[in-house]
């Protein structure tokens, strides 16, 4: 009987079973050592929530599948990312006759401190756009981050917005000439 068990454990099936048992033991010991994991982070809830909306997509194999994409739902009292982006863009293009300090001050309500620091030595006459020419397009990334395109003359102002102190602020700017 003992010889049969040893022969079974020495076979490839026996070795596979031993391997699985060892992995289960190692994972179990690691969980016990690491202790309980918190389910949610401390702090205030985010001002905006992301919900999944399904859309049907035709794949490469011509089979329709659904794909979840994040969407941002507004909370009362908090300006939406597209509003902040348009306000920022309007302030950004109105640079004529302003000093650098005045121009940066006009961007302050819509910008993170990091972005304002980057703009402090920018000559406002170097802004390559003249006016905002259309509505903003928002691409939510999660509840704390969104990318927004604002059409301006001539091109597109690409903004990255993030939630800071309970409101959306522009944190990065790039420009694409059309």
C-alpha atoms as a PDB file:
ATOM      1  CA  UNK A   1       0.000   0.000   0.000  1.00  0.00           C
ATOM      2  CA  UNK A   2       2.749   2.488   0.966  1.00  0.00           C
ATOM      3  CA  UNK A   3       4.693   1.483  -2.129  1.00  0.00           C
ATOM      4  CA  UNK A   4       1.654   2.235  -4.333  1.00  0.00           C
ATOM      5  CA  UNK A   5       1.207   5.708  -2.753  1.00  0.00           C
ATOM      6  CA  UNK A   6       4.904   6.531  -3.250  1.00  0.00           C
ATOM      7  CA  UNK A   7       4.731   5.375  -6.859  1.00  0.00           C
ATOM      8  CA  UNK A   8       1.638   7.560  -7.421  1.00  0.00           C
ATOM      9  CA  UNK A   9       3.304  10.611  -5.820  1.00  0.00           C
ATOM     10  CA  UNK A  10       6.398  10.049  -7.991  1.00  0.00           C
ATOM     11  CA  UNK A  11       4.373  10.157 -11.208  1.00  0.00           C
ATOM     12  CA  UNK A  12       3.714  13.388 -13.107  1.00  0.00           C
ATOM     13  CA  UNK A  13       0.157  13.486 -11.725  1.00  0.00           C
ATOM     14  CA  UNK A  14       1.418  13.146  -8.186  1.00  0.00           C
ATOM     15  CA  UNK A  15       3.974  15.902  -8.726  1.00  0.00           C
ATOM     16  CA  UNK A  16       1.244  18.160 -10.140  1.00  0.00           C
ATOM     17  CA  UNK A  17      -0.942  17.576  -7.079  1.00  0.00           C
ATOM     18  CA  UNK A  18       1.997  18.302  -4.772  1.00  0.00           C
ATOM     19  CA  UNK A  19       2.702  21.531  -6.681  1.00  0.00           C
ATOM     20  CA  UNK A  20      -0.916  22.709  -6.388  1.00  0.00           C
ATOM     21  CA  UNK A  21      -0.985  21.942  -2.656  1.00  0.00           C
ATOM     22  CA  UNK A  22       2.254  23.889  -2.136  1.00  0.00           C
ATOM     23  CA  UNK A  23       0.901  26.933  -4.032  1.00  0.00           C
ATOM     24  CA  UNK A  24      -2.307  26.894  -1.966  1.00  0.00           C
ATOM     25  CA  UNK A  25      -0.292  26.729   1.248  1.00  0.00           C
ATOM     26  CA  UNK A  26       2.024  29.599   0.217  1.00  0.00           C
ATOM     27  CA  UNK A  27      -0.911  31.820  -0.809  1.00  0.00           C
ATOM     28  CA  UNK A  28      -2.755  31.025   2.422  1.00  0.00           C
ATOM     29  CA  UNK A  29       0.269  31.826   4.589  1.00  0.00           C
ATOM     30  CA  UNK A  30       0.855  35.093   2.679  1.00  0.00           C
ATOM     31  CA  UNK A  31      -2.751  36.195   3.266  1.00  0.00           C
ATOM     32  CA  UNK A  32      -2.557  35.393   6.966  1.00  0.00           C
ATOM     33  CA  UNK A  33       0.713  37.317   7.336  1.00  0.00           C
ATOM     34  CA  UNK A  34      -0.489  40.377   5.386  1.00  0.00           C
ATOM     35  CA  UNK A  35      -3.633  40.772   7.518  1.00  0.00           C
ATOM     36  CA  UNK A  36      -6.997  42.167   6.446  1.00  0.00           C
ATOM     37  CA  UNK A  37      -7.074  44.555   3.499  1.00  0.00           C
ATOM     38  CA  UNK A  38      -9.200  47.743   3.632  1.00  0.00           C
ATOM     39  CA  UNK A  39     -12.043  47.863   1.157  1.00  0.00           C
ATOM     40  CA  UNK A  40     -12.097  51.618   0.667  1.00  0.00           C
ATOM     41  CA  UNK A  41      -9.697  54.481   1.104  1.00  0.00           C
ATOM     42  CA  UNK A  42     -10.219  56.997   3.868  1.00  0.00           C
ATOM     43  CA  UNK A  43     -11.181  60.542   2.975  1.00  0.00           C
ATOM     44  CA  UNK A  44     -14.064  62.344   1.316  1.00  0.00           C
ATOM     45  CA  UNK A  45     -15.861  60.707  -1.598  1.00  0.00           C
ATOM     46  CA  UNK A  46     -14.906  61.958  -5.047  1.00  0.00           C
ATOM     47  CA  UNK A  47     -17.052  64.832  -6.333  1.00  0.00           C
ATOM     48  CA  UNK A  48     -17.874  62.975  -9.534  1.00  0.00           C
ATOM     49  CA  UNK A  49     -18.756  59.379 -10.127  1.00  0.00           C
ATOM     50  CA  UNK A  50     -17.913  57.181 -13.075  1.00  0.00           C
ATOM     51  CA  UNK A  51     -20.504  54.777 -14.330  1.00  0.00           C
ATOM     52  CA  UNK A  52     -20.103  52.198 -17.031  1.00  0.00           C
ATOM     53  CA  UNK A  53     -22.176  52.584 -20.145  1.00  0.00           C
ATOM     54  CA  UNK A  54     -22.268  49.738 -22.597  1.00  0.00           C
ATOM     55  CA  UNK A  55     -22.050  50.256 -26.298  1.00  0.00           C
ATOM     56  CA  UNK A  56     -22.186  47.579 -28.963  1.00  0.00           C
ATOM     57  CA  UNK A  57     -19.046  47.238 -31.057  1.00  0.00           C
ATOM     58  CA  UNK A  58     -18.473  45.142 -34.152  1.00  0.00           C
ATOM     59  CA  UNK A  59     -15.199  43.278 -33.635  1.00  0.00           C
ATOM     60  CA  UNK A  60     -12.608  42.112 -36.169  1.00  0.00           C
ATOM     61  CA  UNK A  61     -14.443  38.808 -36.394  1.00  0.00           C
ATOM     62  CA  UNK A  62     -17.723  40.624 -37.264  1.00  0.00           C
ATOM     63  CA  UNK A  63     -19.259  39.529 -33.975  1.00  0.00           C
ATOM     64  CA  UNK A  64     -20.956  42.256 -31.966  1.00  0.00           C
ATOM     65  CA  UNK A  65     -19.650  42.660 -28.423  1.00  0.00           C
ATOM     66  CA  UNK A  66     -20.320  45.186 -25.708  1.00  0.00           C
ATOM     67  CA  UNK A  67     -17.623  47.391 -24.322  1.00  0.00           C
ATOM     68  CA  UNK A  68     -17.855  49.351 -21.103  1.00  0.00           C
ATOM     69  CA  UNK A  69     -16.635  52.935 -21.322  1.00  0.00           C
ATOM     70  CA  UNK A  70     -16.476  55.333 -18.394  1.00  0.00           C
ATOM     71  CA  UNK A  71     -18.767  58.314 -18.287  1.00  0.00           C
ATOM     72  CA  UNK A  72     -18.839  61.199 -15.848  1.00  0.00           C
ATOM     73  CA  UNK A  73     -22.046  62.117 -14.087  1.00  0.00           C
ATOM     74  CA  UNK A  74     -22.144  65.579 -12.566  1.00  0.00           C
ATOM     75  CA  UNK A  75     -22.834  66.319  -8.929  1.00  0.00           C
ATOM     76  CA  UNK A  76     -24.836  69.490  -8.212  1.00  0.00           C
ATOM     77  CA  UNK A  77     -22.700  72.499  -7.368  1.00  0.00           C
ATOM     78  CA  UNK A  78     -19.525  71.206  -9.030  1.00  0.00           C
ATOM     79  CA  UNK A  79     -18.809  72.625 -12.510  1.00  0.00           C
ATOM     80  CA  UNK A  80     -18.499  69.863 -15.099  1.00  0.00           C
ATOM     81  CA  UNK A  81     -15.108  69.242 -16.739  1.00  0.00           C
ATOM     82  CA  UNK A  82     -16.313  70.628 -20.093  1.00  0.00           C
ATOM     83  CA  UNK A  83     -17.366  73.913 -18.413  1.00  0.00           C
ATOM     84  CA  UNK A  84     -14.012  74.258 -16.661  1.00  0.00           C
ATOM     85  CA  UNK A  85     -12.201  73.423 -19.919  1.00  0.00           C
ATOM     86  CA  UNK A  86     -14.168  76.023 -21.916  1.00  0.00           C
ATOM     87  CA  UNK A  87     -13.643  78.693 -19.235  1.00  0.00           C
ATOM     88  CA  UNK A  88      -9.919  77.880 -19.196  1.00  0.00           C
ATOM     89  CA  UNK A  89      -9.735  77.975 -23.007  1.00  0.00           C
ATOM     90  CA  UNK A  90     -11.484  81.355 -23.152  1.00  0.00           C
ATOM     91  CA  UNK A  91      -9.028  82.772 -20.602  1.00  0.00           C
ATOM     92  CA  UNK A  92      -6.097  81.126 -22.420  1.00  0.00           C
ATOM     93  CA  UNK A  93      -6.876  82.716 -25.806  1.00  0.00           C
ATOM     94  CA  UNK A  94      -7.548  86.194 -24.340  1.00  0.00           C
ATOM     95  CA  UNK A  95      -3.907  87.113 -24.006  1.00  0.00           C
ATOM     96  CA  UNK A  96      -3.715  90.289 -26.074  1.00  0.00           C
ATOM     97  CA  UNK A  97      -2.519  93.314 -24.090  1.00  0.00           C
ATOM     98  CA  UNK A  98      -1.834  91.303 -20.921  1.00  0.00           C
ATOM     99  CA  UNK A  99       1.356  90.907 -18.993  1.00  0.00           C
ATOM    100  CA  UNK A 100       2.461  87.401 -18.118  1.00  0.00           C
ATOM    101  CA  UNK A 101       1.321  87.897 -14.504  1.00  0.00           C
ATOM    102  CA  UNK A 102      -2.145  89.136 -15.579  1.00  0.00           C
ATOM    103  CA  UNK A 103      -2.592  86.252 -18.006  1.00  0.00           C
ATOM    104  CA  UNK A 104      -1.552  83.634 -15.431  1.00  0.00           C
ATOM    105  CA  UNK A 105      -3.906  85.270 -12.892  1.00  0.00           C
ATOM    106  CA  UNK A 106      -6.801  84.891 -15.388  1.00  0.00           C
ATOM    107  CA  UNK A 107      -6.021  81.143 -15.636  1.00  0.00           C
ATOM    108  CA  UNK A 108      -5.803  80.656 -11.869  1.00  0.00           C
ATOM    109  CA  UNK A 109      -9.486  79.750 -11.158  1.00  0.00           C
ATOM    110  CA  UNK A 110      -9.286  76.854 -13.637  1.00  0.00           C
ATOM    111  CA  UNK A 111      -5.717  75.549 -13.116  1.00  0.00           C
ATOM    112  CA  UNK A 112      -3.711  73.478 -10.674  1.00  0.00           C
ATOM    113  CA  UNK A 113      -0.812  75.154  -8.882  1.00  0.00           C
ATOM    114  CA  UNK A 114       1.566  72.922 -10.837  1.00  0.00           C
ATOM    115  CA  UNK A 115       0.273  74.229 -14.174  1.00  0.00           C
ATOM    116  CA  UNK A 116       0.330  77.844 -12.986  1.00  0.00           C
ATOM    117  CA  UNK A 117       3.966  77.375 -11.969  1.00  0.00           C
ATOM    118  CA  UNK A 118       4.759  76.144 -15.498  1.00  0.00           C
ATOM    119  CA  UNK A 119       3.015  79.163 -17.047  1.00  0.00           C
ATOM    120  CA  UNK A 120       4.569  81.846 -14.807  1.00  0.00           C
ATOM    121  CA  UNK A 121       7.283  82.811 -17.321  1.00  0.00           C
ATOM    122  CA  UNK A 122       5.259  82.278 -20.515  1.00  0.00           C
ATOM    123  CA  UNK A 123       4.789  85.253 -22.792  1.00  0.00           C
ATOM    124  CA  UNK A 124       1.016  85.451 -23.404  1.00  0.00           C
ATOM    125  CA  UNK A 125       1.595  86.723 -26.932  1.00  0.00           C
ATOM    126  CA  UNK A 126       2.989  83.264 -27.750  1.00  0.00           C
ATOM    127  CA  UNK A 127      -0.474  81.673 -27.405  1.00  0.00           C
ATOM    128  CA  UNK A 128      -1.087  80.149 -30.853  1.00  0.00           C
ATOM    129  CA  UNK A 129      -4.899  80.448 -30.809  1.00  0.00           C
ATOM    130  CA  UNK A 130      -7.231  83.367 -31.391  1.00  0.00           C
ATOM    131  CA  UNK A 131     -10.642  82.165 -30.198  1.00  0.00           C
ATOM    132  CA  UNK A 132     -12.687  79.202 -29.014  1.00  0.00           C
ATOM    133  CA  UNK A 133     -14.761  77.913 -31.919  1.00  0.00           C
ATOM    134  CA  UNK A 134     -16.872  75.065 -30.613  1.00  0.00           C
ATOM    135  CA  UNK A 135     -18.006  72.823 -27.776  1.00  0.00           C
ATOM    136  CA  UNK A 136     -15.604  70.751 -25.724  1.00  0.00           C
ATOM    137  CA  UNK A 137     -15.248  66.979 -26.177  1.00  0.00           C
ATOM    138  CA  UNK A 138     -14.709  65.090 -22.919  1.00  0.00           C
ATOM    139  CA  UNK A 139     -13.001  61.701 -22.653  1.00  0.00           C
ATOM    140  CA  UNK A 140     -13.400  60.469 -19.061  1.00  0.00           C
ATOM    141  CA  UNK A 141     -10.546  58.328 -17.793  1.00  0.00           C
ATOM    142  CA  UNK A 142     -11.859  57.731 -14.266  1.00  0.00           C
ATOM    143  CA  UNK A 143     -13.662  59.625 -11.507  1.00  0.00           C
ATOM    144  CA  UNK A 144     -10.617  61.861 -10.941  1.00  0.00           C
ATOM    145  CA  UNK A 145      -9.249  62.356 -14.476  1.00  0.00           C
ATOM    146  CA  UNK A 146     -10.623  63.517 -17.824  1.00  0.00           C
ATOM    147  CA  UNK A 147      -9.117  64.589 -21.123  1.00  0.00           C
ATOM    148  CA  UNK A 148     -10.897  67.410 -22.934  1.00  0.00           C
ATOM    149  CA  UNK A 149     -10.430  68.714 -26.475  1.00  0.00           C
ATOM    150  CA  UNK A 150     -11.492  72.307 -27.142  1.00  0.00           C
ATOM    151  CA  UNK A 151     -11.600  73.441 -30.786  1.00  0.00           C
ATOM    152  CA  UNK A 152      -9.896  76.812 -31.176  1.00  0.00           C
ATOM    153  CA  UNK A 153      -8.917  78.900 -34.164  1.00  0.00           C
ATOM    154  CA  UNK A 154      -6.708  77.405 -35.669  1.00  0.00           C
ATOM    155  CA  UNK A 155      -6.449  73.983 -34.003  1.00  0.00           C
ATOM    156  CA  UNK A 156      -7.365  72.031 -30.899  1.00  0.00           C
ATOM    157  CA  UNK A 157      -6.467  72.775 -27.316  1.00  0.00           C
ATOM    158  CA  UNK A 158      -5.959  69.463 -25.507  1.00  0.00           C
ATOM    159  CA  UNK A 159      -6.436  69.631 -21.752  1.00  0.00           C
ATOM    160  CA  UNK A 160      -5.999  67.141 -18.943  1.00  0.00           C
ATOM    161  CA  UNK A 161      -8.283  67.847 -16.001  1.00  0.00           C
ATOM    162  CA  UNK A 162      -8.130  66.283 -12.587  1.00  0.00           C
ATOM    163  CA  UNK A 163     -10.090  66.647  -9.398  1.00  0.00           C
ATOM    164  CA  UNK A 164      -8.325  68.795  -6.815  1.00  0.00           C
ATOM    165  CA  UNK A 165      -9.963  69.961  -3.589  1.00  0.00           C
ATOM    166  CA  UNK A 166     -13.353  68.741  -4.783  1.00  0.00           C
ATOM    167  CA  UNK A 167     -13.382  70.461  -8.175  1.00  0.00           C
ATOM    168  CA  UNK A 168     -12.078  69.958 -11.694  1.00  0.00           C
ATOM    169  CA  UNK A 169      -8.884  71.836 -12.600  1.00  0.00           C
ATOM    170  CA  UNK A 170      -6.710  71.868 -15.712  1.00  0.00           C
ATOM    171  CA  UNK A 171      -3.388  70.178 -14.984  1.00  0.00           C
ATOM    172  CA  UNK A 172      -1.801  69.866 -18.424  1.00  0.00           C
ATOM    173  CA  UNK A 173      -2.106  71.654 -21.765  1.00  0.00           C
ATOM    174  CA  UNK A 174      -1.046  70.657 -25.241  1.00  0.00           C
ATOM    175  CA  UNK A 175      -1.753  72.134 -28.617  1.00  0.00           C
ATOM    176  CA  UNK A 176      -2.518  70.586 -31.979  1.00  0.00           C
ATOM    177  CA  UNK A 177      -2.577  72.805 -35.061  1.00  0.00           C
ATOM    178  CA  UNK A 178      -5.157  71.937 -37.692  1.00  0.00           C
END
